[in-house]
C-alpha atoms as a PDB file:
ATOM      1  CA  MET A   1      15.417 -10.593  34.560  1.00  0.00           C
ATOM      2  CA  LEU A   2      16.211 -10.296  30.912  1.00  0.00           C
ATOM      3  CA  ILE A   3      13.732 -13.428  30.385  1.00  0.00           C
ATOM      4  CA  ALA A   4      11.128 -11.289  31.864  1.00  0.00           C
ATOM      5  CA  LEU A   5      11.888  -8.371  29.871  1.00  0.00           C
ATOM      6  CA  TYR A   6      11.920 -11.107  26.667  1.00  0.00           C
ATOM      7  CA  ILE A   7       8.411 -12.210  27.364  1.00  0.00           C
ATOM      8  CA  VAL A   8       6.973  -8.736  27.980  1.00  0.00           C
ATOM      9  CA  ALA A   9       8.027  -7.538  24.786  1.00  0.00           C
ATOM     10  CA  LYS A  10       7.147 -10.698  23.225  1.00  0.00           C
ATOM     11  CA  LEU A  11       3.415 -10.126  24.597  1.00  0.00           C
ATOM     12  CA  ALA A  12       3.553  -6.422  23.819  1.00  0.00           C
ATOM     13  CA  PHE A  13       4.315  -6.996  20.338  1.00  0.00           C
ATOM     14  CA  GLN A  14       1.375  -9.454  20.199  1.00  0.00           C
ATOM     15  CA  GLN A  15      -0.586  -6.365  19.891  1.00  0.00           C
ATOM     16  CA  GLU A  16      -1.037  -4.976  16.607  1.00  0.00           C
ATOM     17  CA  LYS A  17      -1.235  -1.002  18.245  1.00  0.00           C
ATOM     18  CA  ILE A  18       1.943  -1.631  19.951  1.00  0.00           C
ATOM     19  CA  LYS A  19       3.299  -2.998  16.664  1.00  0.00           C
ATOM     20  CA  CYS A  20       2.236  -0.630  14.270  1.00  0.00           C
ATOM     21  CA  SER A  21       3.844   2.190  16.669  1.00  0.00           C
ATOM     22  CA  TRP A  22       7.426   0.623  16.935  1.00  0.00           C
ATOM     23  CA  GLN A  23       7.365  -0.129  13.026  1.00  0.00           C
ATOM     24  CA  ARG A  24       6.827   3.869  12.147  1.00  0.00           C
ATOM     25  CA  LEU A  25       9.512   4.024  14.891  1.00  0.00           C
ATOM     26  CA  LEU A  26      11.860   2.229  12.817  1.00  0.00           C
ATOM     27  CA  GLY A  27      10.061   3.879   9.523  1.00  0.00           C
ATOM     28  CA  LYS A  28      12.609   7.143  11.165  1.00  0.00           C
ATOM     29  CA  ILE A  29      15.529   6.162  11.556  1.00  0.00           C
ATOM     30  CA  PRO A  30      17.082   7.309   8.410  1.00  0.00           C
ATOM     31  CA  ILE A  31      18.788   3.293   6.638  1.00  0.00           C
ATOM     32  CA  VAL A  32      16.685   1.192   8.454  1.00  0.00           C
ATOM     33  CA  GLY A  33      13.262   3.049   7.593  1.00  0.00           C
ATOM     34  CA  TYR A  34      14.572   3.387   4.008  1.00  0.00           C
ATOM     35  CA  LEU A  35      14.895  -0.201   3.253  1.00  0.00           C
ATOM     36  CA  LEU A  36      11.917  -1.003   5.577  1.00  0.00           C
ATOM     37  CA  ILE A  37       9.675   1.362   3.328  1.00  0.00           C
ATOM     38  CA  ASN A  38      11.213   0.791   0.055  1.00  0.00           C
ATOM     39  CA  ALA A  39      11.129  -3.029   0.668  1.00  0.00           C
ATOM     40  CA  ASN A  40       7.486  -3.027   0.820  1.00  0.00           C
ATOM     41  CA  ALA A  41       6.962  -0.509  -1.819  1.00  0.00           C
ATOM     42  CA  VAL A  42       8.436  -2.598  -4.262  1.00  0.00           C
ATOM     43  CA  ARG A  43       6.495  -5.592  -3.144  1.00  0.00           C
ATOM     44  CA  PHE A  44       3.501  -3.494  -3.147  1.00  0.00           C
ATOM     45  CA  SER A  45       4.259  -2.789  -7.156  1.00  0.00           C
ATOM     46  CA  ARG A  46       5.451  -6.294  -7.857  1.00  0.00           C
ATOM     47  CA  THR A  47       2.379  -8.205  -6.787  1.00  0.00           C
ATOM     48  CA  PHE A  48      -0.541  -5.294  -7.348  1.00  0.00           C
ATOM     49  CA  ALA A  49       0.577  -5.510 -10.969  1.00  0.00           C
ATOM     50  CA  LEU A  50       0.791  -9.306 -11.043  1.00  0.00           C
ATOM     51  CA  LEU A  51      -3.136  -9.538  -9.279  1.00  0.00           C
ATOM     52  CA  HIS A  52      -4.201  -7.010 -11.375  1.00  0.00           C
ATOM     53  CA  GLU A  53      -2.905  -8.343 -14.846  1.00  0.00           C
ATOM     54  CA  SER A  54      -4.224 -12.050 -13.887  1.00  0.00           C
ATOM     55  CA  GLY A  55      -7.547 -10.782 -13.950  1.00  0.00           C
ATOM     56  CA  THR A  56      -8.283 -10.624 -10.125  1.00  0.00           C
ATOM     57  CA  PRO A  57     -10.708  -7.313  -9.258  1.00  0.00           C
ATOM     58  CA  VAL A  58      -8.748  -3.983  -8.308  1.00  0.00           C
ATOM     59  CA  LEU A  59     -10.558  -4.036  -4.663  1.00  0.00           C
ATOM     60  CA  VAL A  60      -9.463  -7.362  -4.453  1.00  0.00           C
ATOM     61  CA  ALA A  61      -6.019  -6.809  -5.522  1.00  0.00           C
ATOM     62  CA  LEU A  62      -5.389  -4.021  -3.114  1.00  0.00           C
ATOM     63  CA  THR A  63      -6.560  -6.001  -0.251  1.00  0.00           C
ATOM     64  CA  ASN A  64      -4.668  -8.640  -0.878  1.00  0.00           C
ATOM     65  CA  THR A  65      -1.458  -7.201  -1.969  1.00  0.00           C
ATOM     66  CA  ALA A  66      -2.208  -4.665   1.419  1.00  0.00           C
ATOM     67  CA  ASN A  67      -2.062  -8.132   3.552  1.00  0.00           C
ATOM     68  CA  ALA A  68       1.039  -8.977   1.913  1.00  0.00           C
ATOM     69  CA  LEU A  69       3.032  -6.063   3.553  1.00  0.00           C
ATOM     70  CA  ASN A  70       5.022  -6.118   6.375  1.00  0.00           C
ATOM     71  CA  TYR A  71       5.377  -2.825   7.372  1.00  0.00           C
ATOM     72  CA  LEU A  72       1.999  -2.201   9.419  1.00  0.00           C
ATOM     73  CA  PRO A  73       1.484   1.813   8.716  1.00  0.00           C
ATOM     74  CA  MET A  74       1.972   0.877   4.538  1.00  0.00           C
ATOM     75  CA  GLN A  75      -0.527  -1.664   4.922  1.00  0.00           C
ATOM     76  CA  GLN A  76      -3.374   0.426   7.353  1.00  0.00           C
ATOM     77  CA  SER A  77      -2.929   3.367   4.662  1.00  0.00           C
ATOM     78  CA  ILE A  78      -3.372   0.763   1.962  1.00  0.00           C
ATOM     79  CA  LEU A  79      -6.671  -0.535   3.235  1.00  0.00           C
ATOM     80  CA  ILE A  80      -7.864   3.028   4.078  1.00  0.00           C
ATOM     81  CA  ALA A  81      -7.532   3.415  -0.002  1.00  0.00           C
ATOM     82  CA  THR A  82      -9.014   0.156  -0.668  1.00  0.00           C
ATOM     83  CA  GLU A  83     -12.431   1.583   1.367  1.00  0.00           C
ATOM     84  CA  LYS A  84     -11.998   4.880  -0.749  1.00  0.00           C
ATOM     85  CA  VAL A  85     -11.687   2.690  -3.990  1.00  0.00           C
ATOM     86  CA  ARG A  86     -14.683   1.112  -3.158  1.00  0.00           C
ATOM     87  CA  GLU A  87     -17.102   4.210  -2.509  1.00  0.00           C
ATOM     88  CA  GLY A  88     -15.938   5.411  -5.706  1.00  0.00           C
ATOM     89  CA  SER A  89     -12.800   7.300  -6.114  1.00  0.00           C
ATOM     90  CA  THR A  90      -9.711   6.262  -7.814  1.00  0.00           C
ATOM     91  CA  THR A  91      -7.215   4.067  -7.811  1.00  0.00           C
ATOM     92  CA  PHE A  92      -4.771   6.479  -8.050  1.00  0.00           C
ATOM     93  CA  ASN A  93      -6.699   9.378  -6.129  1.00  0.00           C
ATOM     94  CA  SER A  94      -7.150   7.173  -3.316  1.00  0.00           C
ATOM     95  CA  LEU A  95      -3.478   5.894  -3.138  1.00  0.00           C
ATOM     96  CA  THR A  96      -1.929   9.634  -3.353  1.00  0.00           C
ATOM     97  CA  ILE A  97      -4.330  11.069  -0.338  1.00  0.00           C
ATOM     98  CA  SER A  98      -3.499   8.045   1.868  1.00  0.00           C
ATOM     99  CA  LYS A  99       0.635   9.295   1.536  1.00  0.00           C
ATOM    100  CA  CYS A 100       1.144   5.535   2.144  1.00  0.00           C
ATOM    101  CA  LEU A 101       3.403   5.060  -1.715  1.00  0.00           C
ATOM    102  CA  THR A 102       5.444   8.219  -3.199  1.00  0.00           C
ATOM    103  CA  ILE A 103       3.582   9.457  -6.837  1.00  0.00           C
ATOM    104  CA  ASN A 104       6.675   7.303  -8.669  1.00  0.00           C
ATOM    105  CA  ILE A 105       5.549   4.446  -6.731  1.00  0.00           C
ATOM    106  CA  ILE A 106       2.262   4.619  -7.750  1.00  0.00           C
ATOM    107  CA  LYS A 107       2.707   5.831 -11.252  1.00  0.00           C
ATOM    108  CA  VAL A 108       4.811   2.374 -11.598  1.00  0.00           C
ATOM    109  CA  SER A 109       2.082   0.382  -9.795  1.00  0.00           C
ATOM    110  CA  LEU A 110      -0.950   1.889 -12.191  1.00  0.00           C
ATOM    111  CA  PRO A 111       1.103   0.821 -15.554  1.00  0.00           C
ATOM    112  CA  VAL A 112      -1.570  -2.039 -15.585  1.00  0.00           C
ATOM    113  CA  PHE A 113      -4.341   0.097 -16.094  1.00  0.00           C
ATOM    114  CA  LYS A 114      -3.749  -0.254 -20.061  1.00  0.00           C
ATOM    115  CA  ASP A 115      -7.310  -1.334 -20.693  1.00  0.00           C
ATOM    116  CA  LYS A 116      -9.629   1.940 -21.689  1.00  0.00           C
ATOM    117  CA  THR A 117     -12.948   0.212 -20.765  1.00  0.00           C
ATOM    118  CA  GLN A 118     -11.510  -0.251 -17.252  1.00  0.00           C
ATOM    119  CA  LEU A 119     -11.321   3.189 -16.743  1.00  0.00           C
ATOM    120  CA  ASN A 120     -14.625   5.770 -16.418  1.00  0.00           C
ATOM    121  CA  ASN A 121     -14.180   8.054 -19.881  1.00  0.00           C
ATOM    122  CA  LYS A 122     -16.413  11.000 -17.722  1.00  0.00           C
ATOM    123  CA  ASN A 123     -14.870  11.268 -14.255  1.00  0.00           C
ATOM    124  CA  PRO A 124     -11.544  13.487 -15.102  1.00  0.00           C
ATOM    125  CA  LEU A 125      -9.318  11.719 -12.396  1.00  0.00           C
ATOM    126  CA  SER A 126      -9.854   8.456 -14.404  1.00  0.00           C
ATOM    127  CA  ARG A 127      -8.364   9.821 -17.338  1.00  0.00           C
ATOM    128  CA  LEU A 128      -5.534  11.602 -15.091  1.00  0.00           C
ATOM    129  CA  GLU A 129      -4.551   7.578 -14.527  1.00  0.00           C
ATOM    130  CA  LEU A 130      -4.019   7.031 -17.996  1.00  0.00           C
ATOM    131  CA  ASN A 131      -2.271  10.169 -18.835  1.00  0.00           C
ATOM    132  CA  ILE A 132       0.367   9.649 -15.759  1.00  0.00           C
ATOM    133  CA  GLN A 133       2.049   6.429 -17.404  1.00  0.00           C
ATOM    134  CA  LYS A 134       3.797   8.381 -20.153  1.00  0.00           C
END
């Protein structure tokens, strides 16, 4: 009986929808959720900063960083934010709207935008990205 339950569970968790629902549930458990979400937020921050500083374009860096995460709800939110950046939104605005990361993590992750030439000076949200680092 236990072997059959194990096989059914293993097959069920191969489906991304079930796996994502399970991880959302784990994210709501007080201590486990805190550790799971914060560990992935730190991984996002570190990986994104490293990729961007090495000269990787922002869209590629966001996609690769999202794929490096273990927490599927956060991964899906970052991929949605990447699509918004591709459509013309700023990185800060896209990550804030998707609510995949806290504002503090976003502020820590985005100081890699030190080069003013990467920002569109006509867009007030681009200037906001630069100003939040202070």
